Protein backbone atom coordinates (compact mmCIF):
# COMPACT_ATOMS: atom_id res chain seq x y z
CA UNK A 1 11.35 35.04 -11.56
CA UNK A 2 10.70 38.60 -12.59
CA UNK A 3 10.12 41.32 -10.06
CA UNK A 4 6.41 41.27 -10.66
CA UNK A 5 6.04 37.48 -10.48
CA UNK A 6 5.73 37.26 -6.66
CA UNK A 7 2.96 39.89 -6.77
CA UNK A 8 0.96 37.99 -9.40
CA UNK A 9 1.52 34.70 -7.62
CA UNK A 10 0.33 36.18 -4.32
CA UNK A 11 -2.74 37.65 -6.05
CA UNK A 12 -3.50 34.31 -7.70
CA UNK A 13 -3.08 32.43 -4.41
CA UNK A 14 -5.36 34.85 -2.56
CA UNK A 15 -8.06 34.61 -5.23
CA UNK A 16 -7.92 30.81 -5.18
CA UNK A 17 -8.07 30.68 -1.38
CA UNK A 18 -11.29 32.71 -1.45
CA UNK A 19 -12.98 30.50 -4.08
CA UNK A 20 -14.97 28.25 -1.66
CA UNK A 21 -16.06 31.31 0.35
CA UNK A 22 -17.56 33.10 -2.65
CA UNK A 23 -18.86 30.03 -4.50
CA UNK A 24 -20.59 28.23 -1.64
CA UNK A 25 -21.98 25.43 -3.84
CA UNK A 26 -20.31 22.02 -3.36
CA UNK A 27 -20.69 21.32 -7.08
CA UNK A 28 -18.61 24.30 -8.11
CA UNK A 29 -16.07 23.74 -5.34
CA UNK A 30 -15.60 20.20 -6.67
CA UNK A 31 -15.34 21.66 -10.17
CA UNK A 32 -12.60 24.01 -8.95
CA UNK A 33 -10.75 20.99 -7.52
CA UNK A 34 -10.94 19.29 -10.92
CA UNK A 35 -9.53 22.42 -12.55
CA UNK A 36 -6.57 22.43 -10.16
CA UNK A 37 -5.81 18.77 -10.86
CA UNK A 38 -6.06 19.33 -14.62
CA UNK A 39 -3.88 22.45 -14.29
CA UNK A 40 -1.08 20.48 -12.61
CA UNK A 41 -1.21 17.91 -15.41
CA UNK A 42 -1.24 20.64 -18.08
CA UNK A 43 1.66 22.52 -16.45
CA UNK A 44 3.70 19.31 -16.40
CA UNK A 45 3.03 18.75 -20.11
CA UNK A 46 3.86 22.39 -20.81
CA UNK A 47 7.40 21.68 -19.62
CA UNK A 48 7.78 19.45 -22.67
CA UNK A 49 5.61 21.24 -25.23
CA UNK A 50 6.17 24.90 -24.38
CA UNK A 51 9.65 24.98 -22.90
CA UNK A 52 11.20 21.90 -24.48
CA UNK A 53 9.58 21.88 -27.93
CA UNK A 54 8.63 18.21 -27.43
CA UNK A 55 4.99 17.61 -28.34
CA UNK A 56 3.68 14.52 -26.53
CA UNK A 57 0.43 12.63 -26.98
CA UNK A 58 1.04 10.13 -24.19
CA UNK A 59 1.04 12.29 -21.09
CA UNK A 60 -2.08 10.60 -19.73
CA UNK A 61 0.19 7.63 -18.97
CA UNK A 62 1.46 9.37 -15.84
CA UNK A 63 -1.98 10.50 -14.69
CA UNK A 64 -3.48 7.04 -15.09
CA UNK A 65 -0.35 5.17 -14.03
CA UNK A 66 -0.11 6.95 -10.68
CA UNK A 67 -3.87 6.64 -10.11
CA UNK A 68 -3.83 2.90 -10.78
CA UNK A 69 -0.73 2.39 -8.66
CA UNK A 70 -1.96 4.21 -5.57
CA UNK A 71 -5.42 2.59 -5.64
CA UNK A 72 -3.99 -0.89 -6.18
CA UNK A 73 -1.36 -0.48 -3.47
CA UNK A 74 -3.78 0.81 -0.85
CA UNK A 75 -6.81 -1.36 -1.61
CA UNK A 76 -5.22 -4.61 -2.80
CA UNK A 77 -1.80 -4.79 -1.14
CA UNK A 78 -2.62 -3.11 2.16
CA UNK A 79 -0.22 -0.16 1.89
CA UNK A 80 -0.87 2.89 4.05
CA UNK A 81 -1.98 6.10 2.37
CA UNK A 82 1.39 7.84 2.64
CA UNK A 83 3.42 4.79 1.66
CA UNK A 84 1.10 4.04 -1.23
CA UNK A 85 1.33 7.63 -2.48
CA UNK A 86 5.13 7.72 -2.30
CA UNK A 87 5.55 4.36 -4.02
CA UNK A 88 3.01 5.27 -6.71
CA UNK A 89 4.74 8.58 -7.53
CA UNK A 90 8.17 6.93 -7.47
CA UNK A 91 7.02 4.07 -9.73
CA UNK A 92 5.37 6.44 -12.19
CA UNK A 93 8.48 8.63 -12.26
CA UNK A 94 10.45 5.47 -13.05
CA UNK A 95 8.00 4.83 -15.88
CA UNK A 96 8.72 8.34 -17.18
CA UNK A 97 12.43 7.53 -17.10
CA UNK A 98 11.82 4.51 -19.32
CA UNK A 99 9.42 6.28 -21.67
CA UNK A 100 11.77 9.25 -21.97
CA UNK A 101 14.68 6.95 -22.81
CA UNK A 102 12.63 5.39 -25.62
CA UNK A 103 10.84 8.48 -26.95
CA UNK A 104 13.85 10.80 -27.05
CA UNK A 105 15.57 8.55 -29.55
CA UNK A 106 13.42 10.39 -32.08
CA UNK A 107 12.51 14.03 -32.66
CA UNK A 108 9.56 15.91 -34.07
CA UNK A 109 6.83 13.70 -35.48
CA UNK A 110 8.75 10.56 -34.49
CA UNK A 111 8.78 11.66 -30.84
CA UNK A 112 5.05 12.41 -31.03
CA UNK A 113 4.26 8.98 -32.45
CA UNK A 114 6.41 7.12 -29.92
CA UNK A 115 4.74 8.86 -26.96
CA UNK A 116 1.35 8.09 -28.52
CA UNK A 117 2.28 4.43 -28.94
CA UNK A 118 3.62 4.10 -25.39
CA UNK A 119 0.49 5.69 -23.97
CA UNK A 120 -1.72 3.35 -25.99
CA UNK A 121 0.27 0.34 -24.77
CA UNK A 122 -0.52 1.31 -21.18
CA UNK A 123 -4.17 1.88 -22.09
CA UNK A 124 -4.32 -1.58 -23.70
CA UNK A 125 -2.76 -3.20 -20.62
CA UNK A 126 -5.24 -1.46 -18.34
CA UNK A 127 -8.12 -2.55 -20.55
CA UNK A 128 -7.04 -6.18 -21.03
CA UNK A 129 -5.23 -7.12 -17.81
CA UNK A 130 -8.47 -7.65 -15.91
CA UNK A 131 -6.96 -9.51 -12.94
CA UNK A 132 -4.73 -6.52 -12.12
CA UNK A 133 -6.61 -3.47 -13.31
CA UNK A 134 -10.23 -4.61 -13.29
CA UNK A 135 -10.43 -4.08 -17.04
CA UNK A 136 -13.21 -1.82 -18.24
CA UNK A 137 -14.71 -1.85 -14.73
CA UNK A 138 -11.61 -0.18 -13.31
CA UNK A 139 -10.43 -0.12 -9.71
CA UNK A 140 -12.42 1.37 -6.85
CA UNK A 141 -12.62 1.25 -3.10
CA UNK A 142 -10.20 4.12 -2.58
CA UNK A 143 -10.61 6.06 0.67
CA UNK A 144 -9.43 9.62 0.81
CA UNK A 145 -6.61 10.17 3.30
CA UNK A 146 -6.96 12.28 6.43
CA UNK A 147 -3.75 14.31 6.71
CA UNK A 148 -3.38 15.80 10.20
CA UNK A 149 -6.90 14.56 10.96
CA UNK A 150 -8.48 16.68 8.20
CA UNK A 151 -11.31 14.85 6.44
CA UNK A 152 -10.76 15.26 2.70
CA UNK A 153 -14.24 13.90 2.11
CA UNK A 154 -15.38 17.48 2.68
CA UNK A 155 -15.36 19.38 -0.66
CA UNK A 156 -13.79 22.50 0.85
CA UNK A 157 -11.07 20.51 2.61
CA UNK A 158 -10.19 18.61 -0.55
CA UNK A 159 -10.13 21.84 -2.53
CA UNK A 160 -7.56 23.37 -0.18
CA UNK A 161 -5.56 20.13 -0.30
CA UNK A 162 -5.51 20.28 -4.12
CA UNK A 163 -4.79 24.02 -3.99
CA UNK A 164 -1.72 23.41 -1.82
CA UNK A 165 -0.42 20.85 -4.31
CA UNK A 166 -1.18 23.23 -7.20
CA UNK A 167 0.69 26.18 -5.65
CA UNK A 168 3.69 23.99 -4.87
CA UNK A 169 3.66 22.71 -8.47
CA UNK A 170 3.30 26.22 -9.87
CA UNK A 171 6.25 27.56 -7.87
CA UNK A 172 8.41 24.47 -8.47
CA UNK A 173 7.81 24.50 -12.23
CA UNK A 174 8.31 28.27 -12.36
CA UNK A 175 11.64 28.01 -10.57
CA UNK A 176 12.64 25.12 -12.83
CA UNK A 177 12.02 26.93 -16.12
CA UNK A 178 13.78 30.08 -14.87
CA UNK A 179 16.77 28.19 -13.52
CA UNK A 180 19.97 27.76 -15.56
CA UNK A 181 18.86 24.20 -16.31
CA UNK A 182 15.49 25.44 -17.53
CA UNK A 183 17.22 28.00 -19.72
CA UNK A 184 19.36 25.23 -21.19
CA UNK A 185 16.16 23.31 -21.96
CA UNK A 186 14.80 26.29 -23.88
CA UNK A 187 18.15 26.67 -25.61
CA UNK A 188 17.97 23.01 -26.62
CA UNK A 189 14.51 23.71 -28.05
CA UNK A 190 15.61 26.74 -30.08
CA UNK A 191 19.21 25.97 -31.05
CA UNK A 192 20.07 22.31 -30.42
CA UNK A 193 23.12 22.34 -32.70
CA UNK A 194 24.57 25.44 -31.07
CA UNK A 195 23.94 23.95 -27.61
CA UNK A 196 25.85 20.82 -28.61
CA UNK A 197 28.66 22.94 -30.00
CA UNK A 198 28.85 24.72 -26.63
CA UNK A 199 29.28 21.38 -24.88
CA UNK A 200 25.74 20.76 -23.58
CA UNK A 201 24.28 17.27 -23.60
CA UNK A 202 20.96 18.08 -25.28
CA UNK A 203 19.60 14.53 -24.93
CA UNK A 204 20.30 14.44 -21.18
CA UNK A 205 18.74 17.88 -20.65
CA UNK A 206 15.59 16.77 -22.47
CA UNK A 207 15.49 13.42 -20.66
CA UNK A 208 15.78 15.03 -17.20
CA UNK A 209 13.02 17.47 -18.14
CA UNK A 210 10.89 14.58 -19.42
CA UNK A 211 11.29 12.78 -16.08
CA UNK A 212 10.52 15.95 -14.11
CA UNK A 213 7.36 16.48 -16.17
CA UNK A 214 6.38 12.85 -15.60
CA UNK A 215 6.82 13.28 -11.84
CA UNK A 216 4.37 16.18 -11.74
CA UNK A 217 2.02 14.24 -13.99
CA UNK A 218 2.16 11.46 -11.40
CA UNK A 219 1.25 13.91 -8.62
CA UNK A 220 -1.75 15.00 -10.71
CA UNK A 221 -2.67 11.31 -11.01
CA UNK A 222 -2.44 10.91 -7.26
CA UNK A 223 -4.88 13.78 -6.75
CA UNK A 224 -7.08 12.32 -9.49
CA UNK A 225 -7.27 9.03 -7.58
CA UNK A 226 -8.06 10.81 -4.31
CA UNK A 227 -10.76 12.92 -5.94
CA UNK A 228 -12.56 10.20 -7.91
CA UNK A 229 -11.72 7.30 -5.56
CA UNK A 230 -11.81 5.25 -8.75
CA UNK A 231 -9.77 4.82 -11.90
CA UNK A 232 -10.54 3.17 -15.24
CA UNK A 233 -8.78 2.89 -18.61
CA UNK A 234 -10.42 6.21 -19.52
CA UNK A 235 -7.69 7.96 -17.52
CA UNK A 236 -5.08 6.48 -19.87
CA UNK A 237 -6.76 6.88 -23.22
CA UNK A 238 -5.77 9.14 -26.09
CA UNK A 239 -8.61 11.59 -25.44
CA UNK A 240 -7.18 12.46 -22.02
CA UNK A 241 -3.75 13.18 -23.53
CA UNK A 242 -5.33 15.21 -26.35
CA UNK A 243 -7.39 17.28 -23.90
CA UNK A 244 -4.28 18.02 -21.85
CA UNK A 245 -2.38 19.09 -24.96
CA UNK A 246 -5.34 21.27 -25.93
CA UNK A 247 -5.21 22.95 -22.50
CA UNK A 248 -1.57 23.85 -23.04
CA UNK A 249 -1.99 25.16 -26.59
CA UNK A 250 -5.23 27.04 -25.93
CA UNK A 251 -3.93 28.75 -22.80
CA UNK A 252 -0.47 29.52 -24.16
CA UNK A 253 2.42 27.09 -24.45
CA UNK A 254 5.66 28.31 -22.93
CA UNK A 255 3.94 30.43 -20.26
CA UNK A 256 3.25 29.64 -16.62
CA UNK A 257 -0.34 30.88 -16.49
CA UNK A 258 -1.37 29.58 -19.91
CA UNK A 259 -1.93 25.90 -18.98
CA UNK A 260 -3.95 27.00 -15.92
CA UNK A 261 -6.29 29.10 -18.06
CA UNK A 262 -6.51 26.33 -20.65
CA UNK A 263 -7.35 23.77 -17.96
CA UNK A 264 -10.11 25.99 -16.61
CA UNK A 265 -11.55 26.46 -20.11
CA UNK A 266 -11.62 22.75 -20.98
CA UNK A 267 -12.90 21.54 -17.59
CA UNK A 268 -15.69 24.13 -17.48
CA UNK A 269 -16.80 23.30 -21.00
CA UNK A 270 -16.67 19.59 -20.21
CA UNK A 271 -18.61 19.76 -16.94
CA UNK A 272 -20.83 22.84 -17.10
CA UNK A 273 -21.50 23.67 -20.74
CA UNK A 274 -22.08 19.99 -21.56
CA UNK A 275 -25.14 20.09 -19.30
CA UNK A 276 -26.77 22.59 -21.67
CA UNK A 277 -25.19 21.71 -25.03
CA UNK A 278 -25.17 18.06 -26.06
CA UNK A 279 -22.42 18.52 -28.65
CA UNK A 280 -20.09 20.50 -26.40
CA UNK A 281 -17.06 18.99 -28.14
CA UNK A 282 -18.04 20.87 -31.30
CA UNK A 283 -18.18 24.08 -29.27
CA UNK A 284 -14.74 23.31 -27.82
CA UNK A 285 -13.44 22.76 -31.34
CA UNK A 286 -14.95 26.04 -32.53
CA UNK A 287 -13.39 27.92 -29.60
CA UNK A 288 -10.04 26.34 -30.36
CA UNK A 289 -10.27 27.39 -34.02
CA UNK A 290 -11.04 30.98 -32.95
CA UNK A 291 -8.06 30.96 -30.59
CA UNK A 292 -5.74 29.67 -33.31
CA UNK A 293 -6.98 32.28 -35.80
CA UNK A 294 -6.93 35.35 -33.55
CA UNK A 295 -4.53 34.36 -30.75
CA UNK A 296 -2.20 31.74 -32.24
CA UNK A 297 0.15 32.10 -29.29
CA UNK A 298 -2.66 31.21 -26.83
CA UNK A 299 -5.16 33.00 -24.63
CA UNK A 300 -2.75 34.39 -22.04
CA UNK A 301 -0.10 35.82 -24.41
CA UNK A 302 -2.80 36.89 -26.88
CA UNK A 303 -4.84 38.73 -24.26
CA UNK A 304 -1.69 40.42 -22.96
CA UNK A 305 -0.79 41.53 -26.49
CA UNK A 306 -4.27 42.92 -27.14
CA UNK A 307 -4.30 44.73 -23.78
CA UNK A 308 -0.97 46.40 -24.54
CA UNK A 309 -2.22 47.53 -27.93
CA UNK A 310 -5.39 48.95 -26.39
CA UNK A 311 -3.39 50.84 -23.77
CA UNK A 312 -1.04 52.18 -26.41
CA UNK A 313 -3.96 53.50 -28.49
CA UNK A 314 -5.58 55.15 -25.46
CA UNK A 315 -2.39 56.91 -24.45
CA UNK A 316 -3.13 60.67 -24.74
CA UNK A 317 -1.48 62.49 -27.61
CA UNK A 318 -0.33 65.19 -25.18
CA UNK A 319 1.91 62.69 -23.47
CA UNK A 320 3.81 62.25 -26.73
CA UNK A 321 3.97 65.99 -27.57
CA UNK A 322 6.95 66.90 -25.30
CA UNK A 323 8.95 64.06 -26.80
CA UNK A 324 8.25 65.32 -30.34
CA UNK A 325 9.09 68.86 -29.35
CA UNK A 326 12.32 67.72 -27.75
CA UNK A 327 13.28 65.86 -30.92
CA UNK A 328 12.57 68.95 -33.07
CA UNK A 329 14.58 71.18 -30.73
CA UNK A 330 17.47 68.73 -30.77
CA UNK A 331 17.34 68.60 -34.57
CA UNK A 332 17.39 72.38 -34.78
């Protein structure tokens, strides 16, 4: 990470820790928990879209797959909370291994279509396999765990639980993309032929990154199951994948903070603005069009670019005068 990264991470962590104290309302604390869960899912997808150049429309498979697995294991098969969580994440990561093996046989639009098809297959299974998934009625009966005796039924407690998972995900993904392996992933995105010529196995790099992204998507699904205590085919449908992709693009693909900002934008519009505007999806679409027109790189990089321009314009002319004088003297 850069020298300033620890400072920004510490500032972000402190601000997030203080959220329940300043908000007070259980509704908005729960909303903040939803944003953290969505941010983990968006950051995991950003590994593929932003850093790997692999646009996926099936990422909801890992959210819904882990949610279904943990609820089924704990409510139907009698697994304990910890065992159910570990098995669910491991099984969903295994699913990502399979999906990555199939999807990475294509590139570009072909990769996009394969991930879409695989995600829709899972959605169809969840919708039709009623004896296992409950069909359209979904699976319920989930009880939130009590780690170290802490009751996660309390909104503040669950928020801090989700915040801990979010910070771990943020640091882990940040270290991953800045590691030599993460740099090779970005090299495979930008210059795949040159990477192959240098002896790198581009397919293996992309597959390992696909599996790593699926693992974090599974952890987001685990938190989703704990939060809602219920899962239905809605968690697996195309709209969920599209919303997650929108979070990444709107916030700024290829940045660490971008998916977090995008997740906050989409979740707030979905849960708060929708209470006042019936056609909030149209508003979301309009905001997305504005972002694409004026900040095509996303909100975080675009805002940073605008801020730098504003600071450059406000820089006093006197600060530049000595430099000009020095150049004239040197020329003379």
